[in-house]
């Protein structure tokens, strides 16, 4: 069973049908989905997906019809991956992209992009912090060389399971949360300044 974040798609001006079409286009590379695409896509869908640079046409062979030649662009693949990430909003993705760049520049690993985005959304929902507050907390974490020395993977800054039996994240296993807990008064004062 696939999950599609329709609310995120709506913020990007895409319809639920567009998200479904992106999934079929993703499969079109491995198997011929042209009949399904012909049934689902009309000129409006095609124009909208082209306008957002989500699809492209491959050269293909003379035997291939137009729908067989349709593929997801690099941006289309990224969007589809975002739409398949549970409970994520646009600012979670922006926060992830910024933190990812910092980790990559520091020659550290990101981990699973999809899982990290899910953990950002989980952390936001669990703590009720705003994106600005999470950014400030993460920036403080990154600036603390002692903590960063032991945080080689971005994904694990939000949560890392303590044992193989732990399947659901909890704040007690979050490095960011432990940083917040250790300096709660400081962060709460800074959060008030940020949110003015």
N, C-alpha and C. Protein backbone atom coordinates (compact mmCIF):
# COMPACT_ATOMS: atom_id res chain seq x y z
N UNK A 1 0.85 -1.18 0.00
CA UNK A 1 0.00 0.00 0.00
C UNK A 1 0.89 1.23 0.00
N UNK A 2 0.67 2.10 -0.94
CA UNK A 2 1.46 3.33 -1.05
C UNK A 2 0.77 4.46 -0.30
N UNK A 3 1.57 5.35 0.24
CA UNK A 3 1.06 6.54 0.92
C UNK A 3 1.36 7.75 0.04
N UNK A 4 0.39 8.63 -0.13
CA UNK A 4 0.60 9.86 -0.88
C UNK A 4 0.16 11.04 -0.03
N UNK A 5 1.04 11.99 0.17
CA UNK A 5 0.77 13.20 0.95
C UNK A 5 0.09 14.21 0.03
N UNK A 6 -1.21 14.14 -0.01
CA UNK A 6 -2.01 14.98 -0.92
C UNK A 6 -1.95 16.44 -0.49
N UNK A 7 -1.87 16.70 0.82
CA UNK A 7 -1.80 18.08 1.30
C UNK A 7 -0.53 18.77 0.80
N UNK A 8 0.59 18.05 0.82
CA UNK A 8 1.83 18.62 0.31
C UNK A 8 1.71 18.90 -1.19
N UNK A 9 1.09 17.99 -1.91
CA UNK A 9 0.88 18.18 -3.35
C UNK A 9 0.05 19.44 -3.60
N UNK A 10 -0.97 19.66 -2.80
CA UNK A 10 -1.82 20.83 -2.96
C UNK A 10 -1.03 22.12 -2.75
N UNK A 11 -0.09 22.11 -1.81
CA UNK A 11 0.73 23.31 -1.59
C UNK A 11 1.62 23.59 -2.79
N UNK A 12 1.86 22.58 -3.61
CA UNK A 12 2.66 22.73 -4.83
C UNK A 12 1.78 22.84 -6.06
N UNK A 13 0.49 23.11 -5.84
CA UNK A 13 -0.49 23.32 -6.90
C UNK A 13 -0.70 22.10 -7.79
N UNK A 14 -0.61 20.93 -7.20
CA UNK A 14 -0.87 19.69 -7.93
C UNK A 14 -2.12 19.02 -7.35
N UNK A 15 -2.83 18.34 -8.22
CA UNK A 15 -4.05 17.64 -7.84
C UNK A 15 -3.71 16.21 -7.42
N UNK A 16 -4.61 15.56 -6.67
CA UNK A 16 -4.36 14.15 -6.31
C UNK A 16 -4.13 13.27 -7.54
N UNK A 17 -4.84 13.54 -8.63
CA UNK A 17 -4.66 12.75 -9.85
C UNK A 17 -3.25 12.94 -10.40
N UNK A 18 -2.71 14.16 -10.28
CA UNK A 18 -1.34 14.41 -10.75
C UNK A 18 -0.34 13.53 -10.00
N UNK A 19 -0.54 13.37 -8.69
CA UNK A 19 0.36 12.55 -7.88
C UNK A 19 0.28 11.09 -8.34
N UNK A 20 -0.91 10.63 -8.59
CA UNK A 20 -1.10 9.26 -9.07
C UNK A 20 -0.43 9.08 -10.44
N UNK A 21 -0.56 10.08 -11.28
CA UNK A 21 0.07 10.03 -12.61
C UNK A 21 1.59 9.98 -12.48
N UNK A 22 2.14 10.75 -11.54
CA UNK A 22 3.59 10.72 -11.31
C UNK A 22 4.04 9.31 -10.93
N UNK A 23 3.25 8.63 -10.10
CA UNK A 23 3.59 7.27 -9.70
C UNK A 23 3.57 6.33 -10.91
N UNK A 24 2.58 6.47 -11.76
CA UNK A 24 2.49 5.62 -12.96
C UNK A 24 3.64 5.94 -13.92
N UNK A 25 3.99 7.21 -14.04
CA UNK A 25 5.12 7.59 -14.89
C UNK A 25 6.42 7.00 -14.34
N UNK A 26 6.52 6.94 -13.04
CA UNK A 26 7.70 6.32 -12.42
C UNK A 26 7.81 4.84 -12.83
N UNK A 27 6.68 4.17 -12.88
CA UNK A 27 6.65 2.76 -13.27
C UNK A 27 6.81 2.58 -14.78
N UNK A 28 6.52 3.63 -15.55
CA UNK A 28 6.55 3.56 -17.00
C UNK A 28 7.96 3.27 -17.53
N UNK A 29 8.96 3.56 -16.73
CA UNK A 29 10.34 3.31 -17.15
C UNK A 29 10.62 1.80 -17.20
N UNK A 30 10.07 1.05 -16.25
CA UNK A 30 10.34 -0.38 -16.14
C UNK A 30 9.33 -1.24 -16.90
N UNK A 31 8.09 -0.75 -16.97
CA UNK A 31 7.05 -1.52 -17.66
C UNK A 31 6.16 -0.56 -18.44
N UNK A 32 5.55 -1.05 -19.49
CA UNK A 32 4.72 -0.21 -20.35
C UNK A 32 3.41 0.14 -19.64
N UNK A 33 3.29 1.40 -19.24
CA UNK A 33 2.09 1.89 -18.55
C UNK A 33 1.31 2.86 -19.45
N UNK A 34 1.61 2.80 -20.75
CA UNK A 34 1.04 3.79 -21.68
C UNK A 34 -0.49 3.74 -21.75
N UNK A 35 -1.08 2.57 -21.65
CA UNK A 35 -2.55 2.48 -21.70
C UNK A 35 -3.17 3.19 -20.50
N UNK A 36 -2.59 2.97 -19.32
CA UNK A 36 -3.10 3.64 -18.12
C UNK A 36 -2.91 5.15 -18.21
N UNK A 37 -1.76 5.57 -18.71
CA UNK A 37 -1.49 7.00 -18.85
C UNK A 37 -2.46 7.64 -19.84
N UNK A 38 -2.75 6.95 -20.92
CA UNK A 38 -3.69 7.48 -21.92
C UNK A 38 -5.09 7.65 -21.33
N UNK A 39 -5.48 6.75 -20.44
CA UNK A 39 -6.79 6.85 -19.79
C UNK A 39 -6.85 7.99 -18.78
N UNK A 40 -5.73 8.24 -18.09
CA UNK A 40 -5.72 9.21 -16.99
C UNK A 40 -5.35 10.63 -17.40
N UNK A 41 -4.49 10.74 -18.40
CA UNK A 41 -3.94 12.05 -18.73
C UNK A 41 -4.72 12.74 -19.84
N UNK A 42 -4.99 14.02 -19.62
CA UNK A 42 -5.54 14.84 -20.69
C UNK A 42 -4.55 15.98 -20.94
N UNK A 43 -4.87 16.85 -21.86
CA UNK A 43 -3.95 17.93 -22.21
C UNK A 43 -3.61 18.81 -21.02
N UNK A 44 -4.61 19.04 -20.15
CA UNK A 44 -4.39 19.89 -18.97
C UNK A 44 -3.35 19.28 -18.03
N UNK A 45 -3.45 17.96 -17.78
CA UNK A 45 -2.47 17.28 -16.93
C UNK A 45 -1.07 17.39 -17.52
N UNK A 46 -0.99 17.10 -18.80
CA UNK A 46 0.31 17.11 -19.47
C UNK A 46 0.93 18.50 -19.40
N UNK A 47 0.13 19.54 -19.70
CA UNK A 47 0.64 20.91 -19.68
C UNK A 47 1.09 21.31 -18.28
N UNK A 48 0.30 20.95 -17.26
CA UNK A 48 0.65 21.32 -15.89
C UNK A 48 1.94 20.62 -15.46
N UNK A 49 2.07 19.34 -15.75
CA UNK A 49 3.27 18.60 -15.35
C UNK A 49 4.51 19.08 -16.11
N UNK A 50 4.33 19.44 -17.38
CA UNK A 50 5.44 20.03 -18.14
C UNK A 50 5.80 21.41 -17.58
N UNK A 51 4.77 22.20 -17.24
CA UNK A 51 5.01 23.56 -16.73
C UNK A 51 5.81 23.53 -15.43
N UNK A 52 5.59 22.53 -14.62
CA UNK A 52 6.34 22.37 -13.36
C UNK A 52 7.64 21.59 -13.56
N UNK A 53 7.96 21.25 -14.79
CA UNK A 53 9.18 20.48 -15.12
C UNK A 53 9.23 19.14 -14.40
N UNK A 54 8.10 18.48 -14.29
CA UNK A 54 8.03 17.19 -13.59
C UNK A 54 8.13 16.01 -14.53
N UNK A 55 7.88 16.25 -15.82
CA UNK A 55 7.96 15.16 -16.79
C UNK A 55 8.83 15.58 -17.98
N UNK A 56 9.29 14.58 -18.70
CA UNK A 56 10.07 14.82 -19.90
C UNK A 56 9.80 13.70 -20.90
N UNK A 57 10.19 13.94 -22.12
CA UNK A 57 9.98 12.96 -23.18
C UNK A 57 11.34 12.41 -23.59
N UNK A 58 11.46 11.08 -23.59
CA UNK A 58 12.71 10.48 -24.06
C UNK A 58 12.63 10.31 -25.57
N UNK A 59 13.76 10.08 -26.19
CA UNK A 59 13.78 9.91 -27.64
C UNK A 59 13.06 8.62 -28.04
N UNK A 60 13.36 7.53 -27.37
CA UNK A 60 12.69 6.26 -27.64
C UNK A 60 12.94 5.72 -29.03
N UNK A 61 12.09 4.78 -29.41
CA UNK A 61 12.18 4.18 -30.75
C UNK A 61 10.96 4.59 -31.56
N UNK A 62 11.00 4.31 -32.86
CA UNK A 62 9.87 4.65 -33.73
C UNK A 62 8.61 3.86 -33.36
N UNK A 63 8.79 2.69 -32.75
CA UNK A 63 7.65 1.84 -32.39
C UNK A 63 6.91 2.34 -31.15
N UNK A 64 7.55 3.18 -30.37
CA UNK A 64 6.96 3.66 -29.11
C UNK A 64 5.96 4.78 -29.37
N UNK A 65 4.82 4.74 -28.65
CA UNK A 65 3.86 5.84 -28.74
C UNK A 65 4.29 6.96 -27.78
N UNK A 66 3.59 8.08 -27.83
CA UNK A 66 3.97 9.26 -27.03
C UNK A 66 3.94 8.96 -25.53
N UNK A 67 2.96 8.18 -25.07
CA UNK A 67 2.86 7.88 -23.64
C UNK A 67 3.97 6.94 -23.17
N UNK A 68 4.46 6.08 -24.04
CA UNK A 68 5.57 5.20 -23.68
C UNK A 68 6.87 6.00 -23.51
N UNK A 69 6.94 7.15 -24.16
CA UNK A 69 8.15 7.97 -24.10
C UNK A 69 8.17 8.93 -22.90
N UNK A 70 7.05 9.04 -22.20
CA UNK A 70 6.99 9.95 -21.05
C UNK A 70 7.74 9.37 -19.86
N UNK A 71 8.52 10.22 -19.19
CA UNK A 71 9.28 9.84 -18.00
C UNK A 71 9.22 10.96 -16.97
N UNK A 72 9.52 10.62 -15.75
CA UNK A 72 9.66 11.64 -14.71
C UNK A 72 11.00 12.35 -14.90
N UNK A 73 11.01 13.63 -14.72
CA UNK A 73 12.27 14.38 -14.71
C UNK A 73 12.92 14.19 -13.34
N UNK A 74 14.10 14.72 -13.19
CA UNK A 74 14.78 14.64 -11.88
C UNK A 74 13.92 15.32 -10.81
N UNK A 75 13.36 16.46 -11.14
CA UNK A 75 12.48 17.19 -10.21
C UNK A 75 11.23 16.36 -9.93
N UNK A 76 10.69 15.70 -10.95
CA UNK A 76 9.50 14.86 -10.77
C UNK A 76 9.76 13.71 -9.81
N UNK A 77 10.94 13.11 -9.91
CA UNK A 77 11.32 12.02 -8.99
C UNK A 77 11.42 12.53 -7.56
N UNK A 78 11.99 13.73 -7.39
CA UNK A 78 12.12 14.32 -6.05
C UNK A 78 10.73 14.61 -5.48
N UNK A 79 9.87 15.20 -6.29
CA UNK A 79 8.50 15.50 -5.84
C UNK A 79 7.78 14.21 -5.43
N UNK A 80 7.88 13.18 -6.26
CA UNK A 80 7.20 11.92 -5.94
C UNK A 80 7.72 11.36 -4.62
N UNK A 81 9.01 11.42 -4.42
CA UNK A 81 9.59 10.95 -3.15
C UNK A 81 9.03 11.76 -1.98
N UNK A 82 8.94 13.08 -2.15
CA UNK A 82 8.38 13.93 -1.09
C UNK A 82 6.91 13.57 -0.82
N UNK A 83 6.15 13.32 -1.88
CA UNK A 83 4.73 13.00 -1.71
C UNK A 83 4.52 11.66 -1.03
N UNK A 84 5.52 10.80 -1.07
CA UNK A 84 5.41 9.49 -0.44
C UNK A 84 5.91 9.51 1.01
N UNK A 85 6.31 10.66 1.49
CA UNK A 85 6.82 10.80 2.86
C UNK A 85 5.69 11.21 3.77
N UNK A 86 5.49 10.43 4.80
CA UNK A 86 4.36 10.61 5.71
C UNK A 86 4.44 11.90 6.51
N UNK A 87 3.33 12.64 6.56
CA UNK A 87 3.13 13.75 7.48
C UNK A 87 4.10 14.92 7.30
N UNK A 88 4.64 15.09 6.13
CA UNK A 88 5.64 16.13 5.89
C UNK A 88 4.98 17.36 5.30
N UNK A 89 5.53 18.52 5.61
CA UNK A 89 5.06 19.78 5.02
C UNK A 89 6.24 20.43 4.30
N UNK A 90 5.96 21.46 3.53
CA UNK A 90 6.99 22.10 2.70
C UNK A 90 8.17 22.60 3.52
N UNK A 91 7.91 23.19 4.68
CA UNK A 91 9.01 23.72 5.50
C UNK A 91 9.90 22.61 6.07
N UNK A 92 9.35 21.40 6.25
CA UNK A 92 10.18 20.26 6.67
C UNK A 92 11.22 19.95 5.59
N UNK A 93 10.79 20.04 4.34
CA UNK A 93 11.69 19.75 3.22
C UNK A 93 12.77 20.83 3.12
N UNK A 94 12.36 22.10 3.29
CA UNK A 94 13.35 23.19 3.25
C UNK A 94 14.36 23.04 4.38
N UNK A 95 13.87 22.69 5.57
CA UNK A 95 14.77 22.49 6.71
C UNK A 95 15.72 21.33 6.42
N UNK A 96 15.19 20.24 5.89
CA UNK A 96 16.04 19.10 5.54
C UNK A 96 17.11 19.49 4.53
N UNK A 97 16.71 20.19 3.46
CA UNK A 97 17.67 20.57 2.42
C UNK A 97 18.80 21.42 2.98
N UNK A 98 18.47 22.34 3.88
CA UNK A 98 19.49 23.20 4.50
C UNK A 98 20.43 22.38 5.38
N UNK A 99 19.87 21.53 6.24
CA UNK A 99 20.69 20.70 7.13
C UNK A 99 21.53 19.70 6.33
N UNK A 100 20.95 19.17 5.27
CA UNK A 100 21.68 18.23 4.42
C UNK A 100 22.93 18.89 3.84
N UNK A 101 22.78 20.11 3.37
CA UNK A 101 23.91 20.82 2.78
C UNK A 101 25.01 21.04 3.80
N UNK A 102 24.62 21.37 5.03
CA UNK A 102 25.61 21.57 6.10
C UNK A 102 26.36 20.28 6.37
N UNK A 103 25.63 19.17 6.46
CA UNK A 103 26.27 17.87 6.72
C UNK A 103 27.17 17.44 5.56
N UNK A 104 26.71 17.64 4.35
CA UNK A 104 27.52 17.27 3.19
C UNK A 104 28.79 18.12 3.15
N UNK A 105 28.67 19.42 3.42
CA UNK A 105 29.84 20.31 3.43
C UNK A 105 30.84 19.90 4.52
N UNK A 106 30.33 19.30 5.60
CA UNK A 106 31.20 18.87 6.71
C UNK A 106 31.70 17.44 6.50
N UNK A 107 31.50 16.89 5.31
CA UNK A 107 31.90 15.51 4.98
C UNK A 107 31.26 14.48 5.90
N UNK A 108 30.01 14.71 6.24
CA UNK A 108 29.26 13.77 7.07
C UNK A 108 28.13 13.17 6.23
N UNK A 109 27.54 12.12 6.73
CA UNK A 109 26.48 11.43 6.00
C UNK A 109 25.12 12.01 6.33
N UNK A 110 24.18 11.84 5.41
CA UNK A 110 22.81 12.29 5.61
C UNK A 110 21.96 11.16 6.16
N UNK A 111 22.23 9.94 5.72
CA UNK A 111 21.36 8.81 6.06
C UNK A 111 20.27 8.72 5.01
N UNK A 112 19.18 8.09 5.34
CA UNK A 112 18.04 7.98 4.43
C UNK A 112 17.33 9.33 4.35
N UNK A 113 17.27 9.90 3.14
CA UNK A 113 16.62 11.20 2.98
C UNK A 113 15.15 11.12 3.39
N UNK A 114 14.47 10.09 2.93
CA UNK A 114 13.05 9.95 3.24
C UNK A 114 12.84 9.79 4.74
N UNK A 115 13.63 8.95 5.38
CA UNK A 115 13.49 8.72 6.82
C UNK A 115 13.82 9.99 7.60
N UNK A 116 14.83 10.73 7.15
CA UNK A 116 15.20 11.97 7.84
C UNK A 116 14.08 12.99 7.75
N UNK A 117 13.46 13.10 6.59
CA UNK A 117 12.32 14.02 6.43
C UNK A 117 11.17 13.60 7.34
N UNK A 118 10.92 12.29 7.41
CA UNK A 118 9.88 11.79 8.31
C UNK A 118 10.21 12.13 9.76
N UNK A 119 11.48 11.99 10.14
CA UNK A 119 11.89 12.28 11.51
C UNK A 119 11.80 13.77 11.83
N UNK A 120 12.06 14.62 10.86
CA UNK A 120 11.88 16.07 11.07
C UNK A 120 10.41 16.35 11.34
N UNK A 121 9.52 15.77 10.53
CA UNK A 121 8.08 15.95 10.74
C UNK A 121 7.65 15.39 12.10
N UNK A 122 8.17 14.20 12.45
CA UNK A 122 7.85 13.59 13.75
C UNK A 122 8.32 14.49 14.88
N UNK A 123 9.56 15.00 14.81
CA UNK A 123 10.12 15.84 15.85
C UNK A 123 9.29 17.12 16.00
N UNK A 124 8.90 17.70 14.88
CA UNK A 124 8.07 18.92 14.91
C UNK A 124 6.74 18.65 15.59
N UNK A 125 6.10 17.55 15.23
CA UNK A 125 4.80 17.22 15.82
C UNK A 125 4.92 16.83 17.29
N UNK A 126 5.96 16.12 17.63
CA UNK A 126 6.14 15.62 19.00
C UNK A 126 6.49 16.76 19.97
N UNK A 127 7.29 17.71 19.51
CA UNK A 127 7.74 18.79 20.38
C UNK A 127 6.88 20.05 20.27
N UNK A 128 6.11 20.16 19.21
CA UNK A 128 5.33 21.37 18.89
C UNK A 128 6.23 22.58 18.64
N UNK A 129 7.48 22.33 18.29
CA UNK A 129 8.39 23.41 17.93
C UNK A 129 8.05 23.90 16.53
N UNK A 130 8.30 25.18 16.29
CA UNK A 130 8.14 25.71 14.94
C UNK A 130 9.37 25.33 14.13
N UNK A 131 9.31 25.54 12.84
CA UNK A 131 10.47 25.24 11.99
C UNK A 131 11.65 26.15 12.35
N UNK A 132 11.37 27.38 12.72
CA UNK A 132 12.44 28.29 13.14
C UNK A 132 13.12 27.78 14.41
N UNK A 133 12.32 27.30 15.33
CA UNK A 133 12.87 26.78 16.59
C UNK A 133 13.72 25.53 16.33
N UNK A 134 13.23 24.66 15.47
CA UNK A 134 14.00 23.45 15.14
C UNK A 134 15.29 23.84 14.44
N UNK A 135 15.21 24.82 13.54
CA UNK A 135 16.41 25.27 12.84
C UNK A 135 17.43 25.82 13.85
N UNK A 136 16.98 26.65 14.81
CA UNK A 136 17.88 27.21 15.81
C UNK A 136 18.50 26.11 16.66
N UNK A 137 17.68 25.15 17.05
CA UNK A 137 18.17 24.02 17.85
C UNK A 137 19.19 23.20 17.06
N UNK A 138 18.87 22.91 15.80
CA UNK A 138 19.78 22.13 14.96
C UNK A 138 21.08 22.90 14.71
N UNK A 139 20.97 24.21 14.51
CA UNK A 139 22.15 25.03 14.29
C UNK A 139 23.04 25.00 15.55
N UNK A 140 22.42 25.07 16.71
CA UNK A 140 23.18 24.99 17.97
C UNK A 140 23.86 23.63 18.10
N UNK A 141 23.16 22.59 17.68
CA UNK A 141 23.70 21.23 17.72
C UNK A 141 24.92 21.13 16.80
N UNK A 142 24.79 21.68 15.62
CA UNK A 142 25.85 21.61 14.62
C UNK A 142 27.07 22.43 15.08
N UNK A 143 26.83 23.57 15.72
CA UNK A 143 27.93 24.44 16.17
C UNK A 143 28.67 23.84 17.37
N UNK A 144 28.04 22.90 18.06
CA UNK A 144 28.67 22.26 19.21
C UNK A 144 29.56 21.13 18.70
N UNK A 145 30.85 21.40 18.59
CA UNK A 145 31.77 20.44 18.00
C UNK A 145 31.81 19.12 18.75
N UNK A 146 31.62 19.18 20.07
CA UNK A 146 31.61 17.95 20.87
C UNK A 146 30.47 17.03 20.47
N UNK A 147 29.32 17.61 20.22
CA UNK A 147 28.16 16.80 19.80
C UNK A 147 28.31 16.34 18.35
N UNK A 148 28.77 17.26 17.49
CA UNK A 148 28.89 16.92 16.07
C UNK A 148 29.94 15.84 15.84
N UNK A 149 30.94 15.78 16.71
CA UNK A 149 31.98 14.76 16.59
C UNK A 149 31.36 13.36 16.62
N UNK A 150 30.30 13.20 17.41
CA UNK A 150 29.65 11.89 17.55
C UNK A 150 28.37 11.78 16.73
N UNK A 151 28.10 12.78 15.91
CA UNK A 151 26.90 12.75 15.08
C UNK A 151 27.32 12.75 13.61
N UNK A 152 27.68 11.59 13.12
CA UNK A 152 28.17 11.46 11.76
C UNK A 152 27.05 11.40 10.72
N UNK A 153 25.80 11.16 11.20
CA UNK A 153 24.67 10.99 10.28
C UNK A 153 23.53 11.92 10.70
N UNK A 154 23.08 12.77 9.79
CA UNK A 154 22.00 13.72 10.07
C UNK A 154 20.76 13.03 10.62
N UNK A 155 20.38 11.94 10.01
CA UNK A 155 19.17 11.21 10.42
C UNK A 155 19.19 10.91 11.92
N UNK A 156 20.35 10.54 12.44
CA UNK A 156 20.44 10.13 13.84
C UNK A 156 20.44 11.31 14.81
N UNK A 157 20.58 12.54 14.32
CA UNK A 157 20.47 13.70 15.20
C UNK A 157 19.03 13.83 15.70
N UNK A 158 18.08 13.42 14.87
CA UNK A 158 16.67 13.50 15.26
C UNK A 158 16.24 12.30 16.09
N UNK A 159 16.69 11.12 15.69
CA UNK A 159 16.37 9.92 16.46
C UNK A 159 17.16 8.73 15.95
N UNK A 160 17.65 7.96 16.90
CA UNK A 160 18.33 6.70 16.57
C UNK A 160 17.84 5.66 17.56
N UNK A 161 17.40 4.53 17.06
CA UNK A 161 16.87 3.52 17.97
C UNK A 161 17.97 2.98 18.87
N UNK A 162 17.57 2.73 20.11
CA UNK A 162 18.53 2.28 21.11
C UNK A 162 18.82 0.78 21.01
N UNK A 163 17.85 0.04 20.48
CA UNK A 163 18.03 -1.40 20.31
C UNK A 163 17.17 -1.86 19.14
N UNK A 164 17.32 -3.11 18.74
CA UNK A 164 16.60 -3.63 17.58
C UNK A 164 15.11 -3.78 17.80
N UNK A 165 14.67 -3.74 19.03
CA UNK A 165 13.25 -3.92 19.32
C UNK A 165 12.48 -2.60 19.31
N UNK A 166 13.19 -1.50 19.33
CA UNK A 166 12.56 -0.19 19.33
C UNK A 166 12.21 0.19 17.89
N UNK A 167 10.94 0.34 17.60
CA UNK A 167 10.52 0.66 16.24
C UNK A 167 9.93 2.06 16.11
N UNK A 168 9.40 2.60 17.20
CA UNK A 168 8.81 3.93 17.15
C UNK A 168 9.75 4.93 17.80
N UNK A 169 9.93 6.07 17.17
CA UNK A 169 10.82 7.07 17.77
C UNK A 169 10.27 7.61 19.08
N UNK A 170 11.17 7.97 19.99
CA UNK A 170 10.77 8.67 21.20
C UNK A 170 11.81 9.75 21.48
N UNK A 171 11.36 10.79 22.15
CA UNK A 171 12.24 11.94 22.37
C UNK A 171 13.46 11.60 23.22
N UNK A 172 13.33 10.64 24.11
CA UNK A 172 14.47 10.31 24.97
C UNK A 172 15.67 9.79 24.18
N UNK A 173 15.44 9.33 22.96
CA UNK A 173 16.52 8.82 22.11
C UNK A 173 16.96 9.85 21.06
N UNK A 174 16.51 11.09 21.20
CA UNK A 174 16.83 12.14 20.23
C UNK A 174 17.97 13.00 20.76
N UNK A 175 19.03 13.14 19.96
CA UNK A 175 20.16 13.98 20.35
C UNK A 175 19.75 15.45 20.40
N UNK A 176 18.89 15.88 19.49
CA UNK A 176 18.42 17.26 19.51
C UNK A 176 17.60 17.54 20.76
N UNK A 177 16.75 16.57 21.12
CA UNK A 177 15.93 16.76 22.31
C UNK A 177 16.79 16.79 23.57
N UNK A 178 17.82 15.96 23.64
CA UNK A 178 18.67 15.97 24.83
C UNK A 178 19.44 17.29 24.92
N UNK A 179 19.82 17.87 23.79
CA UNK A 179 20.45 19.19 23.79
C UNK A 179 19.47 20.22 24.34
N UNK A 180 18.23 20.18 23.88
CA UNK A 180 17.20 21.11 24.36
C UNK A 180 16.97 20.93 25.86
N UNK A 181 16.82 19.71 26.29
CA UNK A 181 16.57 19.43 27.71
C UNK A 181 17.71 19.93 28.59
N UNK A 182 18.93 19.81 28.10
CA UNK A 182 20.09 20.24 28.88
C UNK A 182 20.20 21.74 29.03
N UNK A 183 19.64 22.49 28.09
CA UNK A 183 19.72 23.96 28.11
C UNK A 183 18.33 24.56 27.88
N UNK A 184 17.34 24.00 28.54
CA UNK A 184 15.94 24.37 28.29
C UNK A 184 15.69 25.87 28.48
N UNK A 185 16.18 26.45 29.57
CA UNK A 185 15.94 27.87 29.83
C UNK A 185 16.54 28.74 28.72
N UNK A 186 17.76 28.43 28.33
CA UNK A 186 18.42 29.17 27.25
C UNK A 186 17.60 29.09 25.96
N UNK A 187 17.22 27.88 25.57
CA UNK A 187 16.49 27.72 24.30
C UNK A 187 15.12 28.38 24.35
N UNK A 188 14.42 28.27 25.47
CA UNK A 188 13.10 28.90 25.57
C UNK A 188 13.20 30.42 25.41
N UNK A 189 14.25 31.03 26.01
CA UNK A 189 14.45 32.48 25.84
C UNK A 189 14.74 32.81 24.38
N UNK A 190 15.59 32.00 23.75
CA UNK A 190 15.92 32.25 22.34
C UNK A 190 14.71 32.03 21.44
N UNK A 191 13.89 31.04 21.76
CA UNK A 191 12.69 30.77 20.97
C UNK A 191 11.72 31.95 21.04
N UNK A 192 11.64 32.59 22.19
CA UNK A 192 10.77 33.76 22.33
C UNK A 192 11.25 34.88 21.42
N UNK A 193 12.56 35.08 21.34
CA UNK A 193 13.12 36.11 20.46
C UNK A 193 12.83 35.77 18.99
N UNK A 194 12.99 34.50 18.64
CA UNK A 194 12.80 34.05 17.25
C UNK A 194 11.36 34.26 16.80
N UNK A 195 10.42 34.02 17.70
CA UNK A 195 9.00 34.03 17.34
C UNK A 195 8.35 35.40 17.45
N UNK A 196 9.13 36.45 17.75
CA UNK A 196 8.55 37.80 17.85
C UNK A 196 8.20 38.34 16.50
